[in-house]
Structure formats: C-alpha cells, structure tokens
Amino acid sequence: MEEKFIAAWQKAIEEAAALGVRQRPLPDSPMIHAHRVLSSHRESDGFAALAQKGRLELSLEALAIKKQFTSLFSDEEANNALTRLLDAGYSFQ
C-alpha cells in the first residue's frame, strides 16, 4: 500500500507543478517524511498555494485521509490532516 500512496503523492506533486505550485520533490524516505509532516504543526509543502487555487485534493493531507490510505497513518496524523483541510475550507465531495 505504501507504494501506491507514494505513487499517488508523486502524481499529485506533478499535477500541482502543472498549476504553478512548486513543492519539494519526494525525499528518499517519503513515508518517514509524510509521517513527520502530518505529526507536526506545519502544513505540507504547497498547502497554502493549493488552497488558494482551490486544489487541496492534491495535498499530502488530502491523500492521507483517503480511505485507501488511512491504514498507513495514525489517528493523530489523520486528525491533523483533517483539521488542516477543514480549517482551509476544503470541500469533501
């Protein structure tokens, strides 16, 4: 499942880049990085720019709370992601 998550995250980064949202490339240990970001108080790279463009579905936070990927993250990490998305006005469809 981690490989599918990483592939989805890479695709989201590429789609964001096509919109002009610059993000760092995935690090050598993407899952460690994802856990670190979702456990911290800071948003993922490009989160604010994606929010401005109305494209938060391309954020790490949105990927982390997708049903197929929730088993990869702790409840705390998922709650942090959900809170950030809700605070930014993310519309769940």
N, C-alpha and C. Protein backbone atom coordinates (compact mmCIF):
# COMPACT_ATOMS: atom_id res chain seq x y z
N MET A 1 0.83 -1.20 0.00
CA MET A 1 0.00 0.00 0.00
C MET A 1 0.87 1.26 0.00
N GLU A 2 2.02 1.18 0.66
CA GLU A 2 2.91 2.35 0.69
C GLU A 2 3.31 2.77 -0.73
N GLU A 3 3.59 1.79 -1.58
CA GLU A 3 4.00 2.11 -2.96
C GLU A 3 2.89 2.86 -3.70
N LYS A 4 1.65 2.44 -3.48
CA LYS A 4 0.52 3.12 -4.13
C LYS A 4 0.37 4.55 -3.60
N PHE A 5 0.56 4.71 -2.29
CA PHE A 5 0.47 6.05 -1.71
C PHE A 5 1.56 6.95 -2.29
N ILE A 6 2.78 6.45 -2.32
CA ILE A 6 3.90 7.24 -2.84
C ILE A 6 3.66 7.61 -4.30
N ALA A 7 3.15 6.67 -5.09
CA ALA A 7 2.86 6.96 -6.50
C ALA A 7 1.77 8.03 -6.62
N ALA A 8 0.74 7.94 -5.78
CA ALA A 8 -0.33 8.95 -5.80
C ALA A 8 0.20 10.31 -5.37
N TRP A 9 1.06 10.32 -4.39
CA TRP A 9 1.66 11.58 -3.91
C TRP A 9 2.52 12.19 -5.01
N GLN A 10 3.33 11.38 -5.69
CA GLN A 10 4.17 11.88 -6.77
C GLN A 10 3.30 12.46 -7.89
N LYS A 11 2.23 11.78 -8.22
CA LYS A 11 1.31 12.27 -9.26
C LYS A 11 0.70 13.61 -8.84
N ALA A 12 0.31 13.72 -7.57
CA ALA A 12 -0.27 14.97 -7.07
C ALA A 12 0.75 16.11 -7.16
N ILE A 13 2.01 15.82 -6.84
CA ILE A 13 3.07 16.84 -6.93
C ILE A 13 3.22 17.30 -8.38
N GLU A 14 3.17 16.36 -9.30
CA GLU A 14 3.30 16.71 -10.73
C GLU A 14 2.10 17.54 -11.21
N GLU A 15 0.90 17.17 -10.77
CA GLU A 15 -0.29 17.94 -11.14
C GLU A 15 -0.23 19.35 -10.55
N ALA A 16 0.24 19.45 -9.32
CA ALA A 16 0.38 20.77 -8.68
C ALA A 16 1.40 21.62 -9.44
N ALA A 17 2.49 20.99 -9.87
CA ALA A 17 3.51 21.73 -10.63
C ALA A 17 2.93 22.28 -11.92
N ALA A 18 2.04 21.52 -12.56
CA ALA A 18 1.40 21.98 -13.79
C ALA A 18 0.52 23.20 -13.54
N LEU A 19 0.08 23.36 -12.28
CA LEU A 19 -0.73 24.53 -11.89
C LEU A 19 0.14 25.69 -11.43
N GLY A 20 1.45 25.48 -11.40
CA GLY A 20 2.38 26.51 -10.95
C GLY A 20 2.66 26.47 -9.47
N VAL A 21 2.26 25.39 -8.79
CA VAL A 21 2.52 25.25 -7.36
C VAL A 21 3.81 24.45 -7.20
N ARG A 22 4.80 25.11 -6.67
CA ARG A 22 6.09 24.46 -6.50
C ARG A 22 6.15 23.76 -5.15
N GLN A 23 6.56 22.51 -5.19
CA GLN A 23 6.75 21.72 -3.99
C GLN A 23 8.10 21.03 -4.09
N ARG A 24 8.61 20.64 -2.96
CA ARG A 24 9.85 19.88 -2.97
C ARG A 24 9.59 18.50 -3.57
N PRO A 25 10.60 17.96 -4.25
CA PRO A 25 10.43 16.58 -4.72
C PRO A 25 10.36 15.62 -3.53
N LEU A 26 9.81 14.44 -3.75
CA LEU A 26 9.74 13.48 -2.67
C LEU A 26 11.15 13.13 -2.19
N PRO A 27 11.33 13.07 -0.89
CA PRO A 27 12.65 12.70 -0.36
C PRO A 27 12.92 11.21 -0.54
N ASP A 28 14.11 10.80 -0.17
CA ASP A 28 14.48 9.38 -0.29
C ASP A 28 13.58 8.48 0.55
N SER A 29 13.11 8.97 1.65
CA SER A 29 12.22 8.20 2.53
C SER A 29 10.86 8.91 2.62
N PRO A 30 10.03 8.79 1.58
CA PRO A 30 8.80 9.58 1.55
C PRO A 30 7.83 9.28 2.70
N MET A 31 7.74 8.04 3.14
CA MET A 31 6.81 7.73 4.22
C MET A 31 7.26 8.35 5.54
N ILE A 32 8.55 8.34 5.79
CA ILE A 32 9.06 8.99 7.01
C ILE A 32 8.74 10.47 6.95
N HIS A 33 8.93 11.08 5.79
CA HIS A 33 8.63 12.50 5.62
C HIS A 33 7.14 12.76 5.81
N ALA A 34 6.29 11.93 5.24
CA ALA A 34 4.84 12.11 5.38
C ALA A 34 4.43 12.03 6.85
N HIS A 35 4.95 11.06 7.57
CA HIS A 35 4.63 10.93 8.99
C HIS A 35 5.11 12.16 9.77
N ARG A 36 6.28 12.64 9.42
CA ARG A 36 6.84 13.82 10.10
C ARG A 36 5.96 15.04 9.87
N VAL A 37 5.56 15.27 8.63
CA VAL A 37 4.73 16.44 8.31
C VAL A 37 3.36 16.33 8.98
N LEU A 38 2.77 15.17 8.90
CA LEU A 38 1.42 15.01 9.45
C LEU A 38 1.40 15.00 10.97
N SER A 39 2.54 14.75 11.60
CA SER A 39 2.63 14.78 13.06
C SER A 39 2.99 16.16 13.59
N SER A 40 3.46 17.01 12.71
CA SER A 40 3.91 18.34 13.13
C SER A 40 2.77 19.35 13.08
N HIS A 41 3.10 20.58 13.41
CA HIS A 41 2.11 21.66 13.38
C HIS A 41 2.16 22.44 12.08
N ARG A 42 3.04 22.04 11.17
CA ARG A 42 3.14 22.77 9.91
C ARG A 42 2.42 22.03 8.80
N GLU A 43 1.98 22.78 7.82
CA GLU A 43 1.31 22.21 6.67
C GLU A 43 2.34 21.63 5.71
N SER A 44 1.88 20.78 4.83
CA SER A 44 2.77 20.22 3.81
C SER A 44 3.20 21.32 2.84
N ASP A 45 4.27 21.04 2.10
CA ASP A 45 4.76 21.98 1.09
C ASP A 45 3.65 22.27 0.09
N GLY A 46 3.46 23.53 -0.21
CA GLY A 46 2.49 23.93 -1.21
C GLY A 46 1.04 23.97 -0.74
N PHE A 47 0.79 23.62 0.52
CA PHE A 47 -0.59 23.56 1.02
C PHE A 47 -1.32 24.89 0.82
N ALA A 48 -0.71 25.97 1.23
CA ALA A 48 -1.35 27.29 1.13
C ALA A 48 -1.61 27.66 -0.34
N ALA A 49 -0.64 27.38 -1.21
CA ALA A 49 -0.82 27.69 -2.63
C ALA A 49 -1.93 26.83 -3.24
N LEU A 50 -1.99 25.57 -2.85
CA LEU A 50 -3.06 24.70 -3.34
C LEU A 50 -4.42 25.18 -2.83
N ALA A 51 -4.45 25.65 -1.59
CA ALA A 51 -5.71 26.18 -1.02
C ALA A 51 -6.16 27.39 -1.82
N GLN A 52 -5.24 28.28 -2.16
CA GLN A 52 -5.59 29.48 -2.93
C GLN A 52 -6.15 29.13 -4.30
N LYS A 53 -5.65 28.04 -4.87
CA LYS A 53 -6.12 27.62 -6.19
C LYS A 53 -7.33 26.70 -6.12
N GLY A 54 -7.79 26.40 -4.89
CA GLY A 54 -8.93 25.51 -4.73
C GLY A 54 -8.63 24.07 -5.12
N ARG A 55 -7.38 23.65 -4.90
CA ARG A 55 -6.96 22.32 -5.33
C ARG A 55 -6.31 21.53 -4.18
N LEU A 56 -6.89 21.63 -3.01
CA LEU A 56 -6.34 20.92 -1.85
C LEU A 56 -6.37 19.41 -2.00
N GLU A 57 -7.13 18.89 -2.95
CA GLU A 57 -7.13 17.44 -3.16
C GLU A 57 -5.76 16.93 -3.59
N LEU A 58 -4.88 17.86 -4.00
CA LEU A 58 -3.53 17.50 -4.40
C LEU A 58 -2.54 17.56 -3.23
N SER A 59 -3.01 17.86 -2.05
CA SER A 59 -2.12 17.99 -0.88
C SER A 59 -1.86 16.64 -0.23
N LEU A 60 -0.76 16.56 0.48
CA LEU A 60 -0.44 15.39 1.28
C LEU A 60 -1.57 15.10 2.26
N GLU A 61 -2.11 16.14 2.86
CA GLU A 61 -3.18 15.98 3.84
C GLU A 61 -4.39 15.27 3.24
N ALA A 62 -4.78 15.70 2.04
CA ALA A 62 -5.95 15.09 1.39
C ALA A 62 -5.68 13.63 1.01
N LEU A 63 -4.48 13.35 0.58
CA LEU A 63 -4.13 11.96 0.25
C LEU A 63 -4.16 11.08 1.50
N ALA A 64 -3.66 11.62 2.60
CA ALA A 64 -3.55 10.83 3.83
C ALA A 64 -4.90 10.42 4.39
N ILE A 65 -5.95 11.17 4.09
CA ILE A 65 -7.25 10.81 4.65
C ILE A 65 -8.13 10.04 3.66
N LYS A 66 -7.58 9.74 2.49
CA LYS A 66 -8.33 8.90 1.55
C LYS A 66 -8.48 7.51 2.14
N LYS A 67 -9.66 6.95 1.98
CA LYS A 67 -10.00 5.66 2.59
C LYS A 67 -8.94 4.59 2.31
N GLN A 68 -8.44 4.55 1.11
CA GLN A 68 -7.48 3.50 0.74
C GLN A 68 -6.13 3.66 1.44
N PHE A 69 -5.84 4.86 1.98
CA PHE A 69 -4.54 5.10 2.59
C PHE A 69 -4.58 5.32 4.10
N THR A 70 -5.75 5.35 4.70
CA THR A 70 -5.83 5.69 6.13
C THR A 70 -5.10 4.70 7.01
N SER A 71 -4.96 3.46 6.59
CA SER A 71 -4.26 2.47 7.42
C SER A 71 -2.77 2.76 7.54
N LEU A 72 -2.26 3.63 6.68
CA LEU A 72 -0.83 3.98 6.72
C LEU A 72 -0.50 5.01 7.79
N PHE A 73 -1.54 5.65 8.35
CA PHE A 73 -1.31 6.77 9.27
C PHE A 73 -2.02 6.56 10.59
N SER A 74 -1.47 7.16 11.62
CA SER A 74 -2.08 7.07 12.95
C SER A 74 -3.33 7.95 13.00
N ASP A 75 -4.14 7.73 14.02
CA ASP A 75 -5.32 8.58 14.20
C ASP A 75 -4.92 10.03 14.37
N GLU A 76 -3.84 10.28 15.11
CA GLU A 76 -3.37 11.65 15.31
C GLU A 76 -2.97 12.31 14.00
N GLU A 77 -2.25 11.57 13.17
CA GLU A 77 -1.83 12.11 11.87
C GLU A 77 -3.05 12.40 10.99
N ALA A 78 -3.99 11.48 10.95
CA ALA A 78 -5.20 11.68 10.16
C ALA A 78 -6.01 12.87 10.68
N ASN A 79 -6.10 12.99 11.99
CA ASN A 79 -6.83 14.12 12.58
C ASN A 79 -6.16 15.44 12.26
N ASN A 80 -4.83 15.47 12.31
CA ASN A 80 -4.09 16.69 11.95
C ASN A 80 -4.38 17.06 10.50
N ALA A 81 -4.34 16.07 9.62
CA ALA A 81 -4.61 16.32 8.20
C ALA A 81 -6.02 16.84 8.01
N LEU A 82 -6.98 16.19 8.65
CA LEU A 82 -8.38 16.59 8.52
C LEU A 82 -8.61 18.00 9.06
N THR A 83 -8.02 18.31 10.19
CA THR A 83 -8.16 19.65 10.78
C THR A 83 -7.60 20.72 9.85
N ARG A 84 -6.43 20.47 9.29
CA ARG A 84 -5.84 21.45 8.36
C ARG A 84 -6.75 21.66 7.15
N LEU A 85 -7.26 20.58 6.62
CA LEU A 85 -8.14 20.69 5.45
C LEU A 85 -9.41 21.45 5.79
N LEU A 86 -10.03 21.12 6.92
CA LEU A 86 -11.26 21.82 7.32
C LEU A 86 -11.00 23.29 7.59
N ASP A 87 -9.88 23.59 8.26
CA ASP A 87 -9.54 24.98 8.55
C ASP A 87 -9.31 25.78 7.25
N ALA A 88 -8.87 25.10 6.21
CA ALA A 88 -8.62 25.77 4.93
C ALA A 88 -9.87 25.82 4.04
N GLY A 89 -10.98 25.27 4.56
CA GLY A 89 -12.23 25.31 3.80
C GLY A 89 -12.37 24.25 2.75
N TYR A 90 -11.65 23.14 2.92
CA TYR A 90 -11.72 22.04 1.96
C TYR A 90 -13.12 21.50 1.87
N SER A 91 -13.58 21.28 0.65
CA SER A 91 -14.91 20.74 0.41
C SER A 91 -14.79 19.25 0.07
N PHE A 92 -15.34 18.42 0.93
CA PHE A 92 -15.32 16.99 0.72
C PHE A 92 -16.45 16.61 -0.24
N GLN A 93 -16.09 15.88 -1.28
CA GLN A 93 -17.10 15.52 -2.29
C GLN A 93 -17.27 14.03 -2.36
